[in-house]
Amino acid sequence: MEEKEKKDFSTIYEIKKRINDSNFRDYKSKIKSNEFSFIIEQIFPFKGGEKEETNFSEMLKKNKNTIHPNLLKIYGYYKDDYYFIFKEITKCSLYDLIEVNFHFSEYHIAAICYSILNVLDFLHGKNFIHFDIKSVNILITKEGKIKLGGFYEEKKENQPLFGSPYWISPEAIKGEEKNEKQDIWALGITIFELLEGKPPLSGINPMRALFTIAEYDKPPSLKKPELYSPLLIDFLNKCLNIDYKSRPNAKQLLQHPFINDLGKKYYNSDIFSEILIEYSELKKLKPKSSSYSYSYSDSISKSISKSKSKSISKSNSDSDLDTDSDTDTFIQKDD
């Protein structure tokens, strides 16, 4: 990474208000301007050597320069002892909703899938693969917009195995093919999460789950499929087609009636703002408790060993700040 990038980001921001103790360095300001909202993600040092770190830097640069309304924005990044990545701030993830027992209806699922398929169609058209579609990487902003977080890689030959075990497709595990169809499979597993609270096989060891998925001769099935419409079941089965060559791509799935009719209709409504209101109420009633973990140690990825995130929020007064998390407020100033 160029020294100029590091200097720019390490000198523009300073802490306006610190809510809780934080490991992050205090940024000194040379530029004075408007308040700026972002999350800092701190990526721990690499253990894979200079080549792997260079690949990660190149991936970050491409992610930063890839813009779509449903992609989480990366405002910038720089490397010191760690990587510091400045991202768009969001209100909650779909995993946060699962933790407080939010009930996802079919029209919630359809609108979410419509959002994600649109961004996947965009990424796949630019030769990117996300590799890590799951509820924790699907986020809702305070404005009620769906954003896909995480990182995405360019498709390449001899692609290493990336992703989180319960969401990886059979063909990727077996080394037959690692392409954009893996994202479609992972979207199907994410639908399981939203409907049943966890992905299939989440009760067993992640490595054992990989072997089990590789041996699938038919897709996993919902515990009570009779509770759902034939349209949703058909869409889910298409996402989880064991034959990846016959599995539809994102563009094709956008034409499925579950998405093209129901999903598009509710995506253009206030559905996600309504979800945030209910989420705020549910948080008061039930403390977060998860039956399975999303730690990076469960991720099959050579890029990141650990991560640590802190929320950075825009605020005009203390009452605007979410004090439930470790939060600093940064400002950007002109000279």
C-alpha atoms as a PDB file:
ATOM      1  CA  MET A   1       0.000   0.000   0.000  1.00  0.00           C
ATOM      2  CA  GLU A   2       1.309   3.388  -0.869  1.00  0.00           C
ATOM      3  CA  GLU A   3       2.615   5.559   1.958  1.00  0.00           C
ATOM      4  CA  LYS A   4       0.503   8.443   0.629  1.00  0.00           C
ATOM      5  CA  GLU A   5      -2.727   6.496   1.340  1.00  0.00           C
ATOM      6  CA  LYS A   6      -1.568   5.820   4.882  1.00  0.00           C
ATOM      7  CA  LYS A   7      -0.631   9.449   5.492  1.00  0.00           C
ATOM      8  CA  ASP A   8      -3.945  10.734   4.130  1.00  0.00           C
ATOM      9  CA  PHE A   9      -6.075   8.610   6.421  1.00  0.00           C
ATOM     10  CA  SER A  10      -3.920   8.892   9.507  1.00  0.00           C
ATOM     11  CA  THR A  11      -3.989  12.703   9.428  1.00  0.00           C
ATOM     12  CA  ILE A  12      -7.542  13.599   8.383  1.00  0.00           C
ATOM     13  CA  TYR A  13      -9.552  12.370  11.390  1.00  0.00           C
ATOM     14  CA  GLU A  14      -9.595  13.023  15.085  1.00  0.00           C
ATOM     15  CA  ILE A  15     -11.793  11.738  17.896  1.00  0.00           C
ATOM     16  CA  LYS A  16     -14.632  14.143  18.685  1.00  0.00           C
ATOM     17  CA  LYS A  17     -16.101  12.175  21.583  1.00  0.00           C
ATOM     18  CA  ARG A  18     -15.036   8.868  23.094  1.00  0.00           C
ATOM     19  CA  ILE A  19     -17.866   6.835  24.599  1.00  0.00           C
ATOM     20  CA  ASN A  20     -15.916   3.787  25.774  1.00  0.00           C
ATOM     21  CA  ASP A  21     -12.286   2.793  25.932  1.00  0.00           C
ATOM     22  CA  SER A  22     -10.906   1.785  22.562  1.00  0.00           C
ATOM     23  CA  ASN A  23      -7.693   0.254  21.264  1.00  0.00           C
ATOM     24  CA  PHE A  24      -7.674   2.599  18.300  1.00  0.00           C
ATOM     25  CA  ARG A  25      -5.074   5.299  17.924  1.00  0.00           C
ATOM     26  CA  ASP A  26      -6.157   8.927  18.197  1.00  0.00           C
ATOM     27  CA  TYR A  27      -6.251  10.456  14.740  1.00  0.00           C
ATOM     28  CA  LYS A  28      -4.913  13.981  14.473  1.00  0.00           C
ATOM     29  CA  SER A  29      -6.696  16.350  12.130  1.00  0.00           C
ATOM     30  CA  LYS A  30      -5.146  18.617   9.509  1.00  0.00           C
ATOM     31  CA  ILE A  31      -8.292  19.049   7.414  1.00  0.00           C
ATOM     32  CA  LYS A  32     -11.477  20.626   8.769  1.00  0.00           C
ATOM     33  CA  SER A  33     -14.820  20.000   7.158  1.00  0.00           C
ATOM     34  CA  ASN A  34     -18.151  18.193   7.726  1.00  0.00           C
ATOM     35  CA  GLU A  35     -18.825  15.432  10.211  1.00  0.00           C
ATOM     36  CA  PHE A  36     -18.299  11.993   8.726  1.00  0.00           C
ATOM     37  CA  SER A  37     -19.875   8.663   9.698  1.00  0.00           C
ATOM     38  CA  PHE A  38     -18.044   5.362   9.437  1.00  0.00           C
ATOM     39  CA  ILE A  39     -17.149   2.102  11.121  1.00  0.00           C
ATOM     40  CA  ILE A  40     -13.505   1.257  11.639  1.00  0.00           C
ATOM     41  CA  GLU A  41     -12.652  -2.391  11.106  1.00  0.00           C
ATOM     42  CA  GLN A  42      -9.279  -3.382  12.491  1.00  0.00           C
ATOM     43  CA  ILE A  43      -7.670  -6.357  10.727  1.00  0.00           C
ATOM     44  CA  PHE A  44      -4.886  -8.054  12.626  1.00  0.00           C
ATOM     45  CA  PRO A  45      -1.444  -8.666  11.073  1.00  0.00           C
ATOM     46  CA  PHE A  46      -1.076 -11.349   8.429  1.00  0.00           C
ATOM     47  CA  LYS A  47       0.704 -14.627   9.032  1.00  0.00           C
ATOM     48  CA  GLY A  48       0.877 -15.670   5.389  1.00  0.00           C
ATOM     49  CA  GLY A  49       3.710 -13.515   4.202  1.00  0.00           C
ATOM     50  CA  GLU A  50       4.215 -10.524   1.936  1.00  0.00           C
ATOM     51  CA  LYS A  51       2.480 -12.018  -1.122  1.00  0.00           C
ATOM     52  CA  GLU A  52      -0.738 -12.688   0.797  1.00  0.00           C
ATOM     53  CA  GLU A  53      -0.688  -9.218   2.308  1.00  0.00           C
ATOM     54  CA  THR A  54      -0.181  -7.668  -1.131  1.00  0.00           C
ATOM     55  CA  ASN A  55      -3.155  -9.645  -2.451  1.00  0.00           C
ATOM     56  CA  PHE A  56      -5.288  -8.383   0.426  1.00  0.00           C
ATOM     57  CA  SER A  57      -4.220  -4.786  -0.245  1.00  0.00           C
ATOM     58  CA  GLU A  58      -5.145  -5.147  -3.912  1.00  0.00           C
ATOM     59  CA  MET A  59      -8.515  -6.645  -2.955  1.00  0.00           C
ATOM     60  CA  LEU A  60      -9.226  -3.711  -0.617  1.00  0.00           C
ATOM     61  CA  LYS A  61      -8.371  -1.220  -3.336  1.00  0.00           C
ATOM     62  CA  LYS A  62     -10.763  -2.876  -5.792  1.00  0.00           C
ATOM     63  CA  ASN A  63     -13.492  -3.172  -3.138  1.00  0.00           C
ATOM     64  CA  LYS A  64     -13.145   0.540  -2.344  1.00  0.00           C
ATOM     65  CA  ASN A  65     -13.517   1.488  -5.993  1.00  0.00           C
ATOM     66  CA  THR A  66     -16.547  -0.743  -6.619  1.00  0.00           C
ATOM     67  CA  ILE A  67     -19.760   1.232  -6.061  1.00  0.00           C
ATOM     68  CA  HIS A  68     -23.350  -0.074  -5.961  1.00  0.00           C
ATOM     69  CA  PRO A  69     -26.393   1.152  -3.957  1.00  0.00           C
ATOM     70  CA  ASN A  70     -26.581  -2.193  -2.117  1.00  0.00           C
ATOM     71  CA  LEU A  71     -22.847  -2.558  -1.424  1.00  0.00           C
ATOM     72  CA  LEU A  72     -21.449  -1.353   1.887  1.00  0.00           C
ATOM     73  CA  LYS A  73     -19.178   1.583   1.096  1.00  0.00           C
ATOM     74  CA  ILE A  74     -15.485   1.451   1.924  1.00  0.00           C
ATOM     75  CA  TYR A  75     -14.388   5.053   2.341  1.00  0.00           C
ATOM     76  CA  GLY A  76     -10.726   4.201   2.659  1.00  0.00           C
ATOM     77  CA  TYR A  77      -8.100   2.220   4.508  1.00  0.00           C
ATOM     78  CA  TYR A  78      -4.486   2.249   5.500  1.00  0.00           C
ATOM     79  CA  LYS A  79      -1.960  -0.040   7.115  1.00  0.00           C
ATOM     80  CA  ASP A  80       0.056   0.638  10.231  1.00  0.00           C
ATOM     81  CA  ASP A  81       0.659  -2.208  12.654  1.00  0.00           C
ATOM     82  CA  TYR A  82      -2.811  -3.335  11.543  1.00  0.00           C
ATOM     83  CA  TYR A  83      -5.100  -2.685   8.616  1.00  0.00           C
ATOM     84  CA  PHE A  84      -7.670   0.011   9.417  1.00  0.00           C
ATOM     85  CA  ILE A  85     -10.679  -0.014   7.084  1.00  0.00           C
ATOM     86  CA  PHE A  86     -13.197   2.844   7.107  1.00  0.00           C
ATOM     87  CA  LYS A  87     -16.679   1.589   6.225  1.00  0.00           C
ATOM     88  CA  GLU A  88     -20.198   2.938   5.969  1.00  0.00           C
ATOM     89  CA  ILE A  89     -22.075   2.746   9.265  1.00  0.00           C
ATOM     90  CA  THR A  90     -25.156   0.533   9.600  1.00  0.00           C
ATOM     91  CA  LYS A  91     -27.820  -0.078  12.218  1.00  0.00           C
ATOM     92  CA  CYS A  92     -27.890  -3.876  12.394  1.00  0.00           C
ATOM     93  CA  SER A  93     -27.212  -7.070  10.482  1.00  0.00           C
ATOM     94  CA  LEU A  94     -29.696  -9.817   9.693  1.00  0.00           C
ATOM     95  CA  TYR A  95     -27.806 -11.892  12.248  1.00  0.00           C
ATOM     96  CA  ASP A  96     -28.625  -9.277  14.904  1.00  0.00           C
ATOM     97  CA  LEU A  97     -32.277  -9.755  13.988  1.00  0.00           C
ATOM     98  CA  ILE A  98     -31.955 -13.536  14.329  1.00  0.00           C
ATOM     99  CA  GLU A  99     -30.439 -13.070  17.801  1.00  0.00           C
ATOM    100  CA  VAL A 100     -33.496 -11.201  19.069  1.00  0.00           C
ATOM    101  CA  ASN A 101     -35.899 -13.728  17.487  1.00  0.00           C
ATOM    102  CA  PHE A 102     -37.189 -11.438  14.763  1.00  0.00           C
ATOM    103  CA  HIS A 103     -39.781 -13.242  12.637  1.00  0.00           C
ATOM    104  CA  PHE A 104     -38.906 -13.081   8.942  1.00  0.00           C
ATOM    105  CA  SER A 105     -41.987 -13.301   6.750  1.00  0.00           C
ATOM    106  CA  GLU A 106     -41.857 -14.388   3.128  1.00  0.00           C
ATOM    107  CA  TYR A 107     -42.059 -10.823   1.917  1.00  0.00           C
ATOM    108  CA  HIS A 108     -39.087  -9.923   4.149  1.00  0.00           C
ATOM    109  CA  ILE A 109     -37.131 -12.797   2.579  1.00  0.00           C
ATOM    110  CA  ALA A 110     -38.167 -11.802  -0.937  1.00  0.00           C
ATOM    111  CA  ALA A 111     -37.164  -8.140  -0.491  1.00  0.00           C
ATOM    112  CA  ILE A 112     -33.813  -9.100   1.064  1.00  0.00           C
ATOM    113  CA  CYS A 113     -33.059 -11.565  -1.741  1.00  0.00           C
ATOM    114  CA  TYR A 114     -34.054  -8.991  -4.354  1.00  0.00           C
ATOM    115  CA  SER A 115     -31.464  -6.597  -2.859  1.00  0.00           C
ATOM    116  CA  ILE A 116     -28.707  -9.190  -2.652  1.00  0.00           C
ATOM    117  CA  LEU A 117     -29.343 -10.649  -6.104  1.00  0.00           C
ATOM    118  CA  ASN A 118     -29.099  -7.180  -7.624  1.00  0.00           C
ATOM    119  CA  VAL A 119     -25.711  -6.575  -6.066  1.00  0.00           C
ATOM    120  CA  LEU A 120     -24.522 -10.114  -6.914  1.00  0.00           C
ATOM    121  CA  ASP A 121     -25.563  -9.636 -10.535  1.00  0.00           C
ATOM    122  CA  PHE A 122     -23.487  -6.438 -10.508  1.00  0.00           C
ATOM    123  CA  LEU A 123     -20.437  -8.050  -8.851  1.00  0.00           C
ATOM    124  CA  HIS A 124     -20.527 -11.194 -10.990  1.00  0.00           C
ATOM    125  CA  GLY A 125     -20.745  -9.032 -14.100  1.00  0.00           C
ATOM    126  CA  LYS A 126     -17.470  -7.414 -13.027  1.00  0.00           C
ATOM    127  CA  ASN A 127     -15.854 -10.832 -12.452  1.00  0.00           C
ATOM    128  CA  PHE A 128     -16.083 -10.574  -8.637  1.00  0.00           C
ATOM    129  CA  ILE A 129     -17.222 -13.358  -6.313  1.00  0.00           C
ATOM    130  CA  HIS A 130     -18.256 -12.554  -2.751  1.00  0.00           C
ATOM    131  CA  PHE A 131     -17.564 -16.029  -1.256  1.00  0.00           C
ATOM    132  CA  ASP A 132     -19.135 -15.154   2.102  1.00  0.00           C
ATOM    133  CA  ILE A 133     -22.867 -14.452   1.772  1.00  0.00           C
ATOM    134  CA  LYS A 134     -24.502 -14.983   5.182  1.00  0.00           C
ATOM    135  CA  SER A 135     -26.734 -13.092   7.590  1.00  0.00           C
ATOM    136  CA  VAL A 136     -23.909 -11.342   9.434  1.00  0.00           C
ATOM    137  CA  ASN A 137     -22.755  -9.752   6.149  1.00  0.00           C
ATOM    138  CA  ILE A 138     -26.209  -8.454   5.166  1.00  0.00           C
ATOM    139  CA  LEU A 139     -26.809  -5.128   6.887  1.00  0.00           C
ATOM    140  CA  ILE A 140     -29.499  -2.483   7.244  1.00  0.00           C
ATOM    141  CA  THR A 141     -28.636   1.216   7.420  1.00  0.00           C
ATOM    142  CA  LYS A 142     -30.509   3.646   9.647  1.00  0.00           C
ATOM    143  CA  GLU A 143     -32.160   4.951   6.453  1.00  0.00           C
ATOM    144  CA  GLY A 144     -33.664   1.493   5.899  1.00  0.00           C
ATOM    145  CA  LYS A 145     -31.405   0.318   3.056  1.00  0.00           C
ATOM    146  CA  ILE A 146     -29.990  -3.182   2.612  1.00  0.00           C
ATOM    147  CA  LYS A 147     -26.204  -3.347   2.222  1.00  0.00           C
ATOM    148  CA  LEU A 148     -23.959  -6.313   1.490  1.00  0.00           C
ATOM    149  CA  GLY A 149     -20.825  -6.194   3.628  1.00  0.00           C
ATOM    150  CA  GLY A 150     -17.736  -8.372   3.783  1.00  0.00           C
ATOM    151  CA  PHE A 151     -15.103  -8.550   1.063  1.00  0.00           C
ATOM    152  CA  TYR A 152     -15.271  -9.867  -2.486  1.00  0.00           C
ATOM    153  CA  GLU A 153     -12.531 -11.244  -4.705  1.00  0.00           C
ATOM    154  CA  GLU A 154     -11.856 -11.335  -8.413  1.00  0.00           C
ATOM    155  CA  LYS A 155     -12.494 -14.717  -9.966  1.00  0.00           C
ATOM    156  CA  LYS A 156      -9.230 -16.411 -10.893  1.00  0.00           C
ATOM    157  CA  GLU A 157      -7.787 -19.794 -11.771  1.00  0.00           C
ATOM    158  CA  ASN A 158      -6.727 -22.026  -8.881  1.00  0.00           C
ATOM    159  CA  GLN A 159      -8.962 -20.018  -6.546  1.00  0.00           C
ATOM    160  CA  PRO A 160      -8.326 -21.030  -2.903  1.00  0.00           C
ATOM    161  CA  LEU A 161     -11.298 -22.091  -0.783  1.00  0.00           C
ATOM    162  CA  PHE A 162     -12.900 -19.068   0.874  1.00  0.00           C
ATOM    163  CA  GLY A 163     -16.007 -18.625   2.973  1.00  0.00           C
ATOM    164  CA  SER A 164     -17.589 -19.913   6.148  1.00  0.00           C
ATOM    165  CA  PRO A 165     -18.058 -23.687   6.371  1.00  0.00           C
ATOM    166  CA  TYR A 166     -21.836 -24.008   6.704  1.00  0.00           C
ATOM    167  CA  TRP A 167     -22.407 -21.768   3.648  1.00  0.00           C
ATOM    168  CA  ILE A 168     -19.835 -23.193   1.207  1.00  0.00           C
ATOM    169  CA  SER A 169     -21.220 -25.041  -1.813  1.00  0.00           C
ATOM    170  CA  PRO A 170     -20.543 -28.754  -2.391  1.00  0.00           C
ATOM    171  CA  GLU A 171     -18.672 -28.172  -5.653  1.00  0.00           C
ATOM    172  CA  ALA A 172     -16.334 -25.625  -4.031  1.00  0.00           C
ATOM    173  CA  ILE A 173     -15.487 -27.996  -1.174  1.00  0.00           C
ATOM    174  CA  LYS A 174     -14.783 -30.831  -3.616  1.00  0.00           C
ATOM    175  CA  GLY A 175     -12.619 -28.547  -5.741  1.00  0.00           C
ATOM    176  CA  GLU A 176     -14.765 -29.093  -8.829  1.00  0.00           C
ATOM    177  CA  GLU A 177     -15.557 -25.423  -9.365  1.00  0.00           C
ATOM    178  CA  LYS A 178     -15.229 -22.179  -7.451  1.00  0.00           C
ATOM    179  CA  ASN A 179     -17.313 -19.621  -9.310  1.00  0.00           C
ATOM    180  CA  GLU A 180     -20.168 -17.158  -8.844  1.00  0.00           C
ATOM    181  CA  LYS A 181     -22.649 -20.024  -8.331  1.00  0.00           C
ATOM    182  CA  GLN A 182     -21.137 -20.441  -4.851  1.00  0.00           C
ATOM    183  CA  ASP A 183     -22.710 -17.093  -3.902  1.00  0.00           C
ATOM    184  CA  ILE A 184     -26.122 -18.383  -5.040  1.00  0.00           C
ATOM    185  CA  TRP A 185     -25.759 -21.491  -2.875  1.00  0.00           C
ATOM    186  CA  ALA A 186     -24.760 -19.342   0.099  1.00  0.00           C
ATOM    187  CA  LEU A 187     -27.827 -17.139  -0.437  1.00  0.00           C
ATOM    188  CA  GLY A 188     -29.974 -20.258  -0.208  1.00  0.00           C
ATOM    189  CA  ILE A 189     -28.305 -21.263   3.061  1.00  0.00           C
ATOM    190  CA  THR A 190     -28.873 -17.715   4.332  1.00  0.00           C
ATOM    191  CA  ILE A 191     -32.602 -18.160   3.676  1.00  0.00           C
ATOM    192  CA  PHE A 192     -32.389 -21.186   6.008  1.00  0.00           C
ATOM    193  CA  GLU A 193     -30.819 -18.940   8.630  1.00  0.00           C
ATOM    194  CA  LEU A 194     -33.597 -16.402   8.418  1.00  0.00           C
ATOM    195  CA  LEU A 195     -36.400 -18.981   8.507  1.00  0.00           C
ATOM    196  CA  GLU A 196     -34.987 -21.420  11.057  1.00  0.00           C
ATOM    197  CA  GLY A 197     -32.558 -19.283  13.040  1.00  0.00           C
ATOM    198  CA  LYS A 198     -29.406 -21.095  11.928  1.00  0.00           C
ATOM    199  CA  PRO A 199     -27.898 -22.769   8.860  1.00  0.00           C
ATOM    200  CA  PRO A 200     -28.126 -26.520   8.270  1.00  0.00           C
ATOM    201  CA  LEU A 201     -25.494 -28.602  10.109  1.00  0.00           C
ATOM    202  CA  SER A 202     -24.722 -25.748  12.530  1.00  0.00           C
ATOM    203  CA  GLY A 203     -24.887 -28.216  15.424  1.00  0.00           C
ATOM    204  CA  ILE A 204     -21.802 -30.092  14.271  1.00  0.00           C
ATOM    205  CA  ASN A 205     -18.123 -29.210  14.022  1.00  0.00           C
ATOM    206  CA  PRO A 206     -17.400 -26.869  11.059  1.00  0.00           C
ATOM    207  CA  MET A 207     -14.841 -29.194   9.482  1.00  0.00           C
ATOM    208  CA  ARG A 208     -17.199 -32.149   9.789  1.00  0.00           C
ATOM    209  CA  ALA A 209     -19.899 -29.993   8.217  1.00  0.00           C
ATOM    210  CA  LEU A 210     -17.646 -29.444   5.185  1.00  0.00           C
ATOM    211  CA  PHE A 211     -17.309 -33.191   4.640  1.00  0.00           C
ATOM    212  CA  THR A 212     -21.067 -33.650   5.034  1.00  0.00           C
ATOM    213  CA  ILE A 213     -21.880 -30.869   2.532  1.00  0.00           C
ATOM    214  CA  ALA A 214     -19.429 -32.339   0.018  1.00  0.00           C
ATOM    215  CA  GLU A 215     -21.363 -35.634   0.159  1.00  0.00           C
ATOM    216  CA  TYR A 216     -24.808 -34.089  -0.399  1.00  0.00           C
ATOM    217  CA  ASP A 217     -26.800 -35.943  -3.070  1.00  0.00           C
ATOM    218  CA  LYS A 218     -29.765 -33.618  -2.570  1.00  0.00           C
ATOM    219  CA  PRO A 219     -30.121 -30.144  -1.052  1.00  0.00           C
ATOM    220  CA  PRO A 220     -30.948 -29.658   2.635  1.00  0.00           C
ATOM    221  CA  SER A 221     -34.653 -29.250   3.343  1.00  0.00           C
ATOM    222  CA  LEU A 222     -36.554 -27.035   5.763  1.00  0.00           C
ATOM    223  CA  LYS A 223     -37.849 -28.727   8.901  1.00  0.00           C
ATOM    224  CA  LYS A 224     -41.434 -27.690   8.148  1.00  0.00           C
ATOM    225  CA  PRO A 225     -41.677 -26.873   4.435  1.00  0.00           C
ATOM    226  CA  GLU A 226     -45.481 -26.973   4.636  1.00  0.00           C
ATOM    227  CA  LEU A 227     -45.352 -23.629   6.481  1.00  0.00           C
ATOM    228  CA  TYR A 228     -44.105 -21.847   3.362  1.00  0.00           C
ATOM    229  CA  SER A 229     -45.490 -21.080  -0.070  1.00  0.00           C
ATOM    230  CA  PRO A 230     -44.632 -23.229  -3.110  1.00  0.00           C
ATOM    231  CA  LEU A 231     -43.078 -20.088  -4.627  1.00  0.00           C
ATOM    232  CA  LEU A 232     -40.542 -19.681  -1.795  1.00  0.00           C
ATOM    233  CA  ILE A 233     -39.757 -23.421  -1.764  1.00  0.00           C
ATOM    234  CA  ASP A 234     -39.175 -23.391  -5.527  1.00  0.00           C
ATOM    235  CA  PHE A 235     -36.873 -20.373  -5.265  1.00  0.00           C
ATOM    236  CA  LEU A 236     -34.926 -21.978  -2.399  1.00  0.00           C
ATOM    237  CA  ASN A 237     -34.545 -25.253  -4.301  1.00  0.00           C
ATOM    238  CA  LYS A 238     -33.181 -23.381  -7.313  1.00  0.00           C
ATOM    239  CA  CYS A 239     -30.564 -21.642  -5.126  1.00  0.00           C
ATOM    240  CA  LEU A 240     -29.577 -25.006  -3.645  1.00  0.00           C
ATOM    241  CA  ASN A 241     -29.441 -27.061  -6.810  1.00  0.00           C
ATOM    242  CA  ILE A 242     -26.679 -29.612  -6.213  1.00  0.00           C
ATOM    243  CA  ASP A 243     -25.756 -29.480  -9.897  1.00  0.00           C
ATOM    244  CA  TYR A 244     -24.004 -26.106 -10.035  1.00  0.00           C
ATOM    245  CA  LYS A 245     -24.110 -26.105 -13.832  1.00  0.00           C
ATOM    246  CA  SER A 246     -27.924 -26.099 -13.639  1.00  0.00           C
ATOM    247  CA  ARG A 247     -28.079 -23.706 -10.688  1.00  0.00           C
ATOM    248  CA  PRO A 248     -29.423 -20.344 -11.928  1.00  0.00           C
ATOM    249  CA  ASN A 249     -27.229 -17.272 -11.801  1.00  0.00           C
ATOM    250  CA  ALA A 250     -28.225 -13.997 -10.127  1.00  0.00           C
ATOM    251  CA  LYS A 251     -29.660 -12.470 -13.301  1.00  0.00           C
ATOM    252  CA  GLN A 252     -31.874 -15.502 -13.894  1.00  0.00           C
ATOM    253  CA  LEU A 253     -33.072 -15.599 -10.281  1.00  0.00           C
ATOM    254  CA  LEU A 254     -34.083 -11.927 -10.474  1.00  0.00           C
ATOM    255  CA  GLN A 255     -36.748 -13.090 -12.943  1.00  0.00           C
ATOM    256  CA  HIS A 256     -38.158 -15.714 -10.568  1.00  0.00           C
ATOM    257  CA  PRO A 257     -41.726 -14.742  -9.530  1.00  0.00           C
ATOM    258  CA  PHE A 258     -40.779 -14.849  -5.842  1.00  0.00           C
ATOM    259  CA  ILE A 259     -38.265 -12.073  -6.556  1.00  0.00           C
ATOM    260  CA  ASN A 260     -39.636 -10.255  -9.590  1.00  0.00           C
ATOM    261  CA  ASP A 261     -43.126  -9.929  -8.112  1.00  0.00           C
ATOM    262  CA  LEU A 262     -42.972 -10.136  -4.322  1.00  0.00           C
ATOM    263  CA  GLY A 263     -39.362  -9.051  -3.781  1.00  0.00           C
ATOM    264  CA  LYS A 264     -39.405  -6.018  -6.041  1.00  0.00           C
ATOM    265  CA  LYS A 265     -42.745  -4.856  -4.611  1.00  0.00           C
ATOM    266  CA  TYR A 266     -41.606  -4.894  -0.987  1.00  0.00           C
ATOM    267  CA  TYR A 267     -38.080  -3.666  -1.719  1.00  0.00           C
ATOM    268  CA  ASN A 268     -39.629  -0.415  -2.898  1.00  0.00           C
ATOM    269  CA  SER A 269     -41.678  -0.057   0.303  1.00  0.00           C
ATOM    270  CA  ASP A 270     -40.712   1.008   3.852  1.00  0.00           C
ATOM    271  CA  ILE A 271     -40.190  -2.591   4.882  1.00  0.00           C
ATOM    272  CA  PHE A 272     -36.618  -2.250   6.145  1.00  0.00           C
ATOM    273  CA  SER A 273     -37.378   0.885   8.180  1.00  0.00           C
ATOM    274  CA  GLU A 274     -40.240  -1.042   9.762  1.00  0.00           C
ATOM    275  CA  ILE A 275     -37.831  -3.890  10.554  1.00  0.00           C
ATOM    276  CA  LEU A 276     -35.552  -1.446  12.389  1.00  0.00           C
ATOM    277  CA  ILE A 277     -38.433  -0.199  14.532  1.00  0.00           C
ATOM    278  CA  GLU A 278     -39.337  -3.757  15.527  1.00  0.00           C
ATOM    279  CA  TYR A 279     -35.677  -4.588  16.131  1.00  0.00           C
ATOM    280  CA  SER A 280     -35.395  -1.707  18.619  1.00  0.00           C
ATOM    281  CA  GLU A 281     -38.382  -3.058  20.519  1.00  0.00           C
ATOM    282  CA  LEU A 282     -37.157  -6.646  20.484  1.00  0.00           C
ATOM    283  CA  LYS A 283     -33.743  -5.619  21.837  1.00  0.00           C
ATOM    284  CA  LYS A 284     -35.465  -4.277  24.947  1.00  0.00           C
ATOM    285  CA  LEU A 285     -37.265  -7.578  25.513  1.00  0.00           C
ATOM    286  CA  LYS A 286     -34.560 -10.114  24.849  1.00  0.00           C
ATOM    287  CA  PRO A 287     -30.782  -9.939  25.426  1.00  0.00           C
ATOM    288  CA  LYS A 288     -28.678 -11.176  22.563  1.00  0.00           C
ATOM    289  CA  SER A 289     -27.896 -14.882  22.684  1.00  0.00           C
ATOM    290  CA  SER A 290     -26.602 -16.880  19.769  1.00  0.00           C
ATOM    291  CA  SER A 291     -26.654 -20.621  19.252  1.00  0.00           C
ATOM    292  CA  TYR A 292     -23.769 -20.535  16.810  1.00  0.00           C
ATOM    293  CA  SER A 293     -20.708 -18.389  16.208  1.00  0.00           C
ATOM    294  CA  TYR A 294     -19.555 -16.173  13.373  1.00  0.00           C
ATOM    295  CA  SER A 295     -15.988 -15.775  14.575  1.00  0.00           C
ATOM    296  CA  TYR A 296     -13.312 -15.534  11.920  1.00  0.00           C
ATOM    297  CA  SER A 297     -11.857 -18.749  13.310  1.00  0.00           C
ATOM    298  CA  ASP A 298     -14.834 -20.500  11.652  1.00  0.00           C
ATOM    299  CA  SER A 299     -13.984 -18.961   8.282  1.00  0.00           C
ATOM    300  CA  ILE A 300     -12.113 -20.834   5.597  1.00  0.00           C
ATOM    301  CA  SER A 301     -10.023 -17.875   4.495  1.00  0.00           C
ATOM    302  CA  LYS A 302      -6.322 -17.296   4.169  1.00  0.00           C
ATOM    303  CA  SER A 303      -6.713 -13.555   4.238  1.00  0.00           C
ATOM    304  CA  ILE A 304      -7.969 -12.724   7.717  1.00  0.00           C
ATOM    305  CA  SER A 305      -7.156 -14.444  10.984  1.00  0.00           C
ATOM    306  CA  LYS A 306      -9.007 -12.156  13.358  1.00  0.00           C
ATOM    307  CA  SER A 307     -10.971  -8.945  13.162  1.00  0.00           C
ATOM    308  CA  LYS A 308     -12.174  -6.319  15.551  1.00  0.00           C
ATOM    309  CA  SER A 309     -14.727  -3.630  14.745  1.00  0.00           C
ATOM    310  CA  LYS A 310     -15.752  -0.420  16.449  1.00  0.00           C
ATOM    311  CA  SER A 311     -18.688   1.770  15.545  1.00  0.00           C
ATOM    312  CA  ILE A 312     -18.032   5.354  14.550  1.00  0.00           C
ATOM    313  CA  SER A 313     -21.216   7.405  14.393  1.00  0.00           C
ATOM    314  CA  LYS A 314     -22.259  10.825  13.159  1.00  0.00           C
ATOM    315  CA  SER A 315     -23.644  12.915  15.987  1.00  0.00           C
ATOM    316  CA  ASN A 316     -24.688  16.429  16.868  1.00  0.00           C
ATOM    317  CA  SER A 317     -25.417  15.572  20.485  1.00  0.00           C
ATOM    318  CA  ASP A 318     -24.725  12.809  22.979  1.00  0.00           C
ATOM    319  CA  SER A 319     -28.293  11.536  22.593  1.00  0.00           C
ATOM    320  CA  ASP A 320     -27.596  10.533  18.991  1.00  0.00           C
ATOM    321  CA  LEU A 321     -24.922   8.060  20.003  1.00  0.00           C
ATOM    322  CA  ASP A 322     -25.508   4.339  20.527  1.00  0.00           C
ATOM    323  CA  THR A 323     -23.771   3.699  23.830  1.00  0.00           C
ATOM    324  CA  ASP A 324     -24.444  -0.053  23.719  1.00  0.00           C
ATOM    325  CA  SER A 325     -21.230  -0.554  21.747  1.00  0.00           C
ATOM    326  CA  ASP A 326     -17.665   0.677  21.941  1.00  0.00           C
ATOM    327  CA  THR A 327     -18.102   3.927  20.082  1.00  0.00           C
ATOM    328  CA  ASP A 328     -15.949   6.883  19.168  1.00  0.00           C
ATOM    329  CA  THR A 329     -17.169   9.854  17.186  1.00  0.00           C
ATOM    330  CA  PHE A 330     -14.745  11.154  14.592  1.00  0.00           C
ATOM    331  CA  ILE A 331     -14.878  14.427  12.706  1.00  0.00           C
ATOM    332  CA  GLN A 332     -13.192  15.581   9.557  1.00  0.00           C
ATOM    333  CA  LYS A 333     -12.091  19.249   9.537  1.00  0.00           C
ATOM    334  CA  ASP A 334     -10.759  21.826   7.117  1.00  0.00           C
ATOM    335  CA  ASP A 335      -7.610  23.784   7.832  1.00  0.00           C
END
